[in-house]
């Protein structure tokens, strides 16, 4: 029986740049949404896919990758913005639920629209101990960075500790395809009700992204083991 295939989908260009640096010896190919390449980890075939930023690219690239490779597991590695006072910079979030919060419904029940795109992650298959400390939590997504004036709403209405652009779309697509999904996002920078520490300071985001991605990539073999994909 062939080894189970895993797709690792990475969204933002800054995140993907660290992936290419880490796996620089692999041939890279162009896809409809970004680049991709193949490797092996613990004798398991792994395809890395650049999914693109934002919910539209995330949903399209996730569906494309699922149909092309039909993986046993899709892993999303990336960054997120943390809410100051609720999480520390560098913390790794293990998504237990994803929610899309930038939906505005004025003709009907707005909560029904939010609920439709909320995905509760089934992680019963994920075995402990994990290869690094994580915070199991809900991740909220929108096609925008965290807006300072919305920090209180994200905290109070959604009990959010961090937000990103793509995890909600990726989790939703995987659920519709019946594919196991593991989302790990590291906090690259913090946002408070007075502003974001990386806003207007792109180098802060890039530095945080490098630290997060290097940690996630270094522990990827351990996460495959936690998923039951040990060395064949």
C-alpha atoms as a PDB file:
ATOM      1  CA  UNK A   1       0.000   0.000   0.000  1.00  0.00           C
ATOM      2  CA  UNK A   2       1.476   3.404  -0.933  1.00  0.00           C
ATOM      3  CA  UNK A   3       2.307   5.807   1.883  1.00  0.00           C
ATOM      4  CA  UNK A   4      -0.392   8.354   2.674  1.00  0.00           C
ATOM      5  CA  UNK A   5       0.172  11.666   0.927  1.00  0.00           C
ATOM      6  CA  UNK A   6       0.084  14.972   2.806  1.00  0.00           C
ATOM      7  CA  UNK A   7      -0.486  18.443   1.358  1.00  0.00           C
ATOM      8  CA  UNK A   8       0.979  21.387   3.260  1.00  0.00           C
ATOM      9  CA  UNK A   9      -0.652  24.615   2.140  1.00  0.00           C
ATOM     10  CA  UNK A  10       1.033  27.935   2.937  1.00  0.00           C
ATOM     11  CA  UNK A  11      -0.722  31.189   2.156  1.00  0.00           C
ATOM     12  CA  UNK A  12       1.195  34.483   2.301  1.00  0.00           C
ATOM     13  CA  UNK A  13       4.220  35.266   0.135  1.00  0.00           C
ATOM     14  CA  UNK A  14       6.361  36.046   3.185  1.00  0.00           C
ATOM     15  CA  UNK A  15       5.510  32.640   4.677  1.00  0.00           C
ATOM     16  CA  UNK A  16       6.198  30.835   1.401  1.00  0.00           C
ATOM     17  CA  UNK A  17       9.593  32.508   1.097  1.00  0.00           C
ATOM     18  CA  UNK A  18      10.732  30.738   4.291  1.00  0.00           C
ATOM     19  CA  UNK A  19       9.464  27.422   2.920  1.00  0.00           C
ATOM     20  CA  UNK A  20      11.539  27.839  -0.236  1.00  0.00           C
ATOM     21  CA  UNK A  21      14.618  28.720   1.797  1.00  0.00           C
ATOM     22  CA  UNK A  22      14.153  25.601   3.930  1.00  0.00           C
ATOM     23  CA  UNK A  23      13.624  23.268   0.961  1.00  0.00           C
ATOM     24  CA  UNK A  24      15.884  25.049  -1.516  1.00  0.00           C
ATOM     25  CA  UNK A  25      17.135  21.819  -3.143  1.00  0.00           C
ATOM     26  CA  UNK A  26      13.718  20.869  -4.550  1.00  0.00           C
ATOM     27  CA  UNK A  27      12.488  21.719  -8.052  1.00  0.00           C
ATOM     28  CA  UNK A  28       9.620  24.197  -7.879  1.00  0.00           C
ATOM     29  CA  UNK A  29       6.686  24.213 -10.303  1.00  0.00           C
ATOM     30  CA  UNK A  30       4.054  26.796 -11.191  1.00  0.00           C
ATOM     31  CA  UNK A  31       0.415  26.109 -10.373  1.00  0.00           C
ATOM     32  CA  UNK A  32      -2.776  28.111 -10.948  1.00  0.00           C
ATOM     33  CA  UNK A  33      -2.532  29.788  -7.529  1.00  0.00           C
ATOM     34  CA  UNK A  34       1.202  29.817  -6.833  1.00  0.00           C
ATOM     35  CA  UNK A  35       4.203  27.533  -6.726  1.00  0.00           C
ATOM     36  CA  UNK A  36       4.410  23.965  -5.465  1.00  0.00           C
ATOM     37  CA  UNK A  37       6.968  21.211  -4.979  1.00  0.00           C
ATOM     38  CA  UNK A  38       7.218  17.640  -3.734  1.00  0.00           C
ATOM     39  CA  UNK A  39       9.393  16.160  -1.012  1.00  0.00           C
ATOM     40  CA  UNK A  40       9.386  13.291   1.476  1.00  0.00           C
ATOM     41  CA  UNK A  41       9.211  13.543   5.255  1.00  0.00           C
ATOM     42  CA  UNK A  42       9.529  10.363   7.316  1.00  0.00           C
ATOM     43  CA  UNK A  43       9.198   8.403   4.064  1.00  0.00           C
ATOM     44  CA  UNK A  44       5.848  10.076   3.441  1.00  0.00           C
ATOM     45  CA  UNK A  45       5.213  12.001   0.216  1.00  0.00           C
ATOM     46  CA  UNK A  46       4.505  15.631   1.054  1.00  0.00           C
ATOM     47  CA  UNK A  47       3.421  18.308  -1.412  1.00  0.00           C
ATOM     48  CA  UNK A  48       3.952  21.941  -0.427  1.00  0.00           C
ATOM     49  CA  UNK A  49       1.509  24.323  -2.113  1.00  0.00           C
ATOM     50  CA  UNK A  50       1.551  28.108  -2.154  1.00  0.00           C
ATOM     51  CA  UNK A  51      -2.129  28.802  -1.690  1.00  0.00           C
ATOM     52  CA  UNK A  52      -2.141  32.577  -1.940  1.00  0.00           C
ATOM     53  CA  UNK A  53      -3.423  35.200   0.497  1.00  0.00           C
ATOM     54  CA  UNK A  54      -7.046  35.905   1.342  1.00  0.00           C
ATOM     55  CA  UNK A  55     -10.158  33.738   1.465  1.00  0.00           C
ATOM     56  CA  UNK A  56     -10.716  33.586  -2.305  1.00  0.00           C
ATOM     57  CA  UNK A  57      -7.260  32.208  -3.111  1.00  0.00           C
ATOM     58  CA  UNK A  58      -7.297  29.997  -0.013  1.00  0.00           C
ATOM     59  CA  UNK A  59     -10.572  28.322  -0.954  1.00  0.00           C
ATOM     60  CA  UNK A  60      -9.658  27.919  -4.620  1.00  0.00           C
ATOM     61  CA  UNK A  61      -6.163  26.565  -3.994  1.00  0.00           C
ATOM     62  CA  UNK A  62      -7.335  24.205  -1.245  1.00  0.00           C
ATOM     63  CA  UNK A  63      -9.988  22.697  -3.520  1.00  0.00           C
ATOM     64  CA  UNK A  64      -7.497  22.435  -6.388  1.00  0.00           C
ATOM     65  CA  UNK A  65      -4.931  20.682  -4.200  1.00  0.00           C
ATOM     66  CA  UNK A  66      -7.505  18.278  -2.766  1.00  0.00           C
ATOM     67  CA  UNK A  67      -8.711  17.298  -6.206  1.00  0.00           C
ATOM     68  CA  UNK A  68      -5.248  17.000  -7.732  1.00  0.00           C
ATOM     69  CA  UNK A  69      -3.479  15.024  -5.002  1.00  0.00           C
ATOM     70  CA  UNK A  70      -6.360  13.585  -2.927  1.00  0.00           C
ATOM     71  CA  UNK A  71      -4.297  13.755   0.275  1.00  0.00           C
ATOM     72  CA  UNK A  72      -5.019  11.877   3.465  1.00  0.00           C
ATOM     73  CA  UNK A  73      -4.283  15.078   5.382  1.00  0.00           C
ATOM     74  CA  UNK A  74      -4.074  18.781   4.590  1.00  0.00           C
ATOM     75  CA  UNK A  75      -1.923  20.922   6.885  1.00  0.00           C
ATOM     76  CA  UNK A  76      -2.051  24.713   6.861  1.00  0.00           C
ATOM     77  CA  UNK A  77       1.042  26.373   8.313  1.00  0.00           C
ATOM     78  CA  UNK A  78       1.267  30.108   8.688  1.00  0.00           C
ATOM     79  CA  UNK A  79       1.048  33.227  10.803  1.00  0.00           C
ATOM     80  CA  UNK A  80      -1.688  35.134  12.561  1.00  0.00           C
ATOM     81  CA  UNK A  81      -2.085  38.416  14.362  1.00  0.00           C
ATOM     82  CA  UNK A  82      -2.562  38.082  18.098  1.00  0.00           C
ATOM     83  CA  UNK A  83      -4.786  40.171  20.333  1.00  0.00           C
ATOM     84  CA  UNK A  84      -2.585  41.922  22.859  1.00  0.00           C
ATOM     85  CA  UNK A  85      -3.177  40.758  26.401  1.00  0.00           C
ATOM     86  CA  UNK A  86      -4.687  37.460  25.283  1.00  0.00           C
ATOM     87  CA  UNK A  87      -1.696  35.758  23.673  1.00  0.00           C
ATOM     88  CA  UNK A  88       2.041  36.239  23.390  1.00  0.00           C
ATOM     89  CA  UNK A  89       4.065  36.872  20.245  1.00  0.00           C
ATOM     90  CA  UNK A  90       5.500  33.574  18.958  1.00  0.00           C
ATOM     91  CA  UNK A  91       2.752  31.403  20.467  1.00  0.00           C
ATOM     92  CA  UNK A  92       1.536  28.582  18.219  1.00  0.00           C
ATOM     93  CA  UNK A  93      -2.233  28.268  17.826  1.00  0.00           C
ATOM     94  CA  UNK A  94      -3.762  24.861  17.120  1.00  0.00           C
ATOM     95  CA  UNK A  95      -7.101  25.695  15.517  1.00  0.00           C
ATOM     96  CA  UNK A  96     -10.010  23.859  17.132  1.00  0.00           C
ATOM     97  CA  UNK A  97     -12.584  25.979  15.297  1.00  0.00           C
ATOM     98  CA  UNK A  98     -12.507  28.552  12.523  1.00  0.00           C
ATOM     99  CA  UNK A  99     -14.905  31.445  12.036  1.00  0.00           C
ATOM    100  CA  UNK A 100     -15.212  34.056   9.280  1.00  0.00           C
ATOM    101  CA  UNK A 101     -16.115  37.379  10.902  1.00  0.00           C
ATOM    102  CA  UNK A 102     -16.181  39.853   7.993  1.00  0.00           C
ATOM    103  CA  UNK A 103     -19.687  38.841   6.873  1.00  0.00           C
ATOM    104  CA  UNK A 104     -22.332  41.568   6.981  1.00  0.00           C
ATOM    105  CA  UNK A 105     -25.919  40.354   6.537  1.00  0.00           C
ATOM    106  CA  UNK A 106     -28.632  43.028   6.715  1.00  0.00           C
ATOM    107  CA  UNK A 107     -31.586  41.247   5.068  1.00  0.00           C
ATOM    108  CA  UNK A 108     -31.774  38.324   7.478  1.00  0.00           C
ATOM    109  CA  UNK A 109     -30.156  36.832  10.554  1.00  0.00           C
ATOM    110  CA  UNK A 110     -26.450  37.759  10.504  1.00  0.00           C
ATOM    111  CA  UNK A 111     -25.584  34.966  12.924  1.00  0.00           C
ATOM    112  CA  UNK A 112     -26.914  32.386  10.467  1.00  0.00           C
ATOM    113  CA  UNK A 113     -24.391  33.585   7.888  1.00  0.00           C
ATOM    114  CA  UNK A 114     -21.547  33.480  10.428  1.00  0.00           C
ATOM    115  CA  UNK A 115     -22.581  29.983  11.531  1.00  0.00           C
ATOM    116  CA  UNK A 116     -22.666  28.740   7.926  1.00  0.00           C
ATOM    117  CA  UNK A 117     -18.948  29.369   7.476  1.00  0.00           C
ATOM    118  CA  UNK A 118     -17.910  28.253  10.959  1.00  0.00           C
ATOM    119  CA  UNK A 119     -16.006  24.954  11.010  1.00  0.00           C
ATOM    120  CA  UNK A 120     -15.520  22.914  14.150  1.00  0.00           C
ATOM    121  CA  UNK A 121     -12.346  20.928  13.712  1.00  0.00           C
ATOM    122  CA  UNK A 122     -12.473  17.194  14.375  1.00  0.00           C
ATOM    123  CA  UNK A 123      -9.046  16.536  15.873  1.00  0.00           C
ATOM    124  CA  UNK A 124      -9.837  13.229  17.576  1.00  0.00           C
ATOM    125  CA  UNK A 125      -7.256  11.571  15.328  1.00  0.00           C
ATOM    126  CA  UNK A 126      -4.433  13.857  16.522  1.00  0.00           C
ATOM    127  CA  UNK A 127      -2.286  12.073  19.098  1.00  0.00           C
ATOM    128  CA  UNK A 128      -0.392  13.649  21.976  1.00  0.00           C
ATOM    129  CA  UNK A 129       2.249  14.526  22.997  1.00  0.00           C
ATOM    130  CA  UNK A 130       2.624  17.318  20.470  1.00  0.00           C
ATOM    131  CA  UNK A 131       6.102  18.266  19.207  1.00  0.00           C
ATOM    132  CA  UNK A 132       5.868  21.745  20.748  1.00  0.00           C
ATOM    133  CA  UNK A 133       3.572  23.653  23.115  1.00  0.00           C
ATOM    134  CA  UNK A 134       0.398  24.921  21.446  1.00  0.00           C
ATOM    135  CA  UNK A 135      -2.706  26.848  22.415  1.00  0.00           C
ATOM    136  CA  UNK A 136      -5.877  25.063  21.246  1.00  0.00           C
ATOM    137  CA  UNK A 137      -8.218  27.881  20.263  1.00  0.00           C
ATOM    138  CA  UNK A 138     -10.672  29.311  17.767  1.00  0.00           C
ATOM    139  CA  UNK A 139      -9.102  31.198  14.876  1.00  0.00           C
ATOM    140  CA  UNK A 140     -11.124  33.946  13.216  1.00  0.00           C
ATOM    141  CA  UNK A 141     -10.560  35.015   9.611  1.00  0.00           C
ATOM    142  CA  UNK A 142     -11.285  38.036   7.441  1.00  0.00           C
ATOM    143  CA  UNK A 143      -9.937  39.555   4.251  1.00  0.00           C
ATOM    144  CA  UNK A 144      -8.091  42.185   6.266  1.00  0.00           C
ATOM    145  CA  UNK A 145      -5.675  42.631   9.121  1.00  0.00           C
ATOM    146  CA  UNK A 146      -7.149  43.107  12.567  1.00  0.00           C
ATOM    147  CA  UNK A 147      -8.631  46.602  12.815  1.00  0.00           C
ATOM    148  CA  UNK A 148      -7.796  48.206  16.149  1.00  0.00           C
ATOM    149  CA  UNK A 149     -11.336  49.445  16.740  1.00  0.00           C
ATOM    150  CA  UNK A 150     -12.629  45.865  16.277  1.00  0.00           C
ATOM    151  CA  UNK A 151     -10.351  44.289  18.871  1.00  0.00           C
ATOM    152  CA  UNK A 152     -12.965  44.534  21.616  1.00  0.00           C
ATOM    153  CA  UNK A 153     -15.605  42.894  19.401  1.00  0.00           C
ATOM    154  CA  UNK A 154     -13.316  40.048  18.402  1.00  0.00           C
ATOM    155  CA  UNK A 155     -12.399  39.500  22.018  1.00  0.00           C
ATOM    156  CA  UNK A 156     -15.855  39.845  23.560  1.00  0.00           C
ATOM    157  CA  UNK A 157     -18.166  38.501  20.845  1.00  0.00           C
ATOM    158  CA  UNK A 158     -16.006  35.683  19.477  1.00  0.00           C
ATOM    159  CA  UNK A 159     -13.648  35.009  22.417  1.00  0.00           C
ATOM    160  CA  UNK A 160     -10.825  35.392  19.908  1.00  0.00           C
ATOM    161  CA  UNK A 161      -7.151  35.430  20.753  1.00  0.00           C
ATOM    162  CA  UNK A 162      -5.831  35.635  17.170  1.00  0.00           C
ATOM    163  CA  UNK A 163      -6.947  36.252  13.602  1.00  0.00           C
ATOM    164  CA  UNK A 164      -5.723  35.550  10.088  1.00  0.00           C
ATOM    165  CA  UNK A 165      -6.889  35.777   6.483  1.00  0.00           C
ATOM    166  CA  UNK A 166      -7.212  32.176   5.260  1.00  0.00           C
ATOM    167  CA  UNK A 167      -7.802  29.489   7.893  1.00  0.00           C
ATOM    168  CA  UNK A 168     -11.593  29.814   7.826  1.00  0.00           C
ATOM    169  CA  UNK A 169     -11.718  29.126   4.085  1.00  0.00           C
ATOM    170  CA  UNK A 170      -9.241  26.230   4.192  1.00  0.00           C
ATOM    171  CA  UNK A 171     -11.001  24.488   7.074  1.00  0.00           C
ATOM    172  CA  UNK A 172     -14.410  24.911   5.412  1.00  0.00           C
ATOM    173  CA  UNK A 173     -13.214  23.428   2.110  1.00  0.00           C
ATOM    174  CA  UNK A 174     -11.552  20.466   3.835  1.00  0.00           C
ATOM    175  CA  UNK A 175     -14.722  19.760   5.817  1.00  0.00           C
ATOM    176  CA  UNK A 176     -16.819  19.778   2.634  1.00  0.00           C
ATOM    177  CA  UNK A 177     -14.404  17.279   1.065  1.00  0.00           C
ATOM    178  CA  UNK A 178     -14.248  15.048   4.133  1.00  0.00           C
ATOM    179  CA  UNK A 179     -10.466  15.511   4.405  1.00  0.00           C
ATOM    180  CA  UNK A 180      -8.596  15.706   7.692  1.00  0.00           C
ATOM    181  CA  UNK A 181      -7.267  19.193   8.319  1.00  0.00           C
ATOM    182  CA  UNK A 182      -4.638  20.488  10.726  1.00  0.00           C
ATOM    183  CA  UNK A 183      -4.173  24.247  11.062  1.00  0.00           C
ATOM    184  CA  UNK A 184      -1.160  25.597  12.949  1.00  0.00           C
ATOM    185  CA  UNK A 185      -0.646  29.354  13.049  1.00  0.00           C
ATOM    186  CA  UNK A 186       2.027  31.239  14.948  1.00  0.00           C
ATOM    187  CA  UNK A 187       1.536  34.756  16.296  1.00  0.00           C
ATOM    188  CA  UNK A 188       3.832  37.019  14.275  1.00  0.00           C
ATOM    189  CA  UNK A 189       2.696  40.321  15.816  1.00  0.00           C
ATOM    190  CA  UNK A 190       0.192  41.773  18.265  1.00  0.00           C
ATOM    191  CA  UNK A 191      -2.701  44.201  17.841  1.00  0.00           C
ATOM    192  CA  UNK A 192      -4.373  46.216  20.606  1.00  0.00           C
ATOM    193  CA  UNK A 193      -7.229  48.697  20.694  1.00  0.00           C
ATOM    194  CA  UNK A 194      -4.688  51.436  20.005  1.00  0.00           C
ATOM    195  CA  UNK A 195      -3.012  49.838  16.978  1.00  0.00           C
ATOM    196  CA  UNK A 196      -0.782  47.074  15.692  1.00  0.00           C
ATOM    197  CA  UNK A 197       2.926  46.780  16.420  1.00  0.00           C
ATOM    198  CA  UNK A 198       3.600  45.770  12.801  1.00  0.00           C
ATOM    199  CA  UNK A 199       1.325  48.365  11.187  1.00  0.00           C
ATOM    200  CA  UNK A 200       3.548  50.689   9.204  1.00  0.00           C
ATOM    201  CA  UNK A 201       6.527  48.552  10.236  1.00  0.00           C
ATOM    202  CA  UNK A 202       6.576  45.683   7.772  1.00  0.00           C
ATOM    203  CA  UNK A 203       9.915  44.450   9.064  1.00  0.00           C
ATOM    204  CA  UNK A 204       8.216  43.500  12.356  1.00  0.00           C
ATOM    205  CA  UNK A 205       5.862  41.199  10.464  1.00  0.00           C
ATOM    206  CA  UNK A 206       8.689  39.723   8.377  1.00  0.00           C
ATOM    207  CA  UNK A 207      10.809  39.015  11.455  1.00  0.00           C
ATOM    208  CA  UNK A 208       7.882  37.422  13.252  1.00  0.00           C
ATOM    209  CA  UNK A 209       6.999  35.388  10.176  1.00  0.00           C
ATOM    210  CA  UNK A 210      10.520  33.989   9.895  1.00  0.00           C
ATOM    211  CA  UNK A 211      10.532  32.872  13.523  1.00  0.00           C
ATOM    212  CA  UNK A 212       7.084  31.289  13.281  1.00  0.00           C
ATOM    213  CA  UNK A 213       7.667  29.481  10.005  1.00  0.00           C
ATOM    214  CA  UNK A 214      11.068  28.130  11.028  1.00  0.00           C
ATOM    215  CA  UNK A 215       9.476  26.684  14.173  1.00  0.00           C
ATOM    216  CA  UNK A 216       6.551  25.138  12.307  1.00  0.00           C
ATOM    217  CA  UNK A 217       8.705  23.629   9.575  1.00  0.00           C
ATOM    218  CA  UNK A 218      11.212  22.213  12.071  1.00  0.00           C
ATOM    219  CA  UNK A 219       8.426  20.435  13.967  1.00  0.00           C
ATOM    220  CA  UNK A 220       6.517  19.215  10.900  1.00  0.00           C
ATOM    221  CA  UNK A 221       7.877  15.621  11.176  1.00  0.00           C
ATOM    222  CA  UNK A 222       6.554  15.523  14.733  1.00  0.00           C
ATOM    223  CA  UNK A 223       3.122  16.656  13.612  1.00  0.00           C
ATOM    224  CA  UNK A 224       3.028  13.912  11.003  1.00  0.00           C
ATOM    225  CA  UNK A 225       3.742  11.446  13.779  1.00  0.00           C
ATOM    226  CA  UNK A 226       0.908  12.921  15.837  1.00  0.00           C
ATOM    227  CA  UNK A 227      -1.354  12.388  12.832  1.00  0.00           C
ATOM    228  CA  UNK A 228      -0.474   8.705  12.817  1.00  0.00           C
ATOM    229  CA  UNK A 229       1.789   9.107   9.773  1.00  0.00           C
ATOM    230  CA  UNK A 230       4.911   7.613  11.313  1.00  0.00           C
ATOM    231  CA  UNK A 231       7.828   6.293   9.307  1.00  0.00           C
ATOM    232  CA  UNK A 232       6.800   3.399   7.085  1.00  0.00           C
END
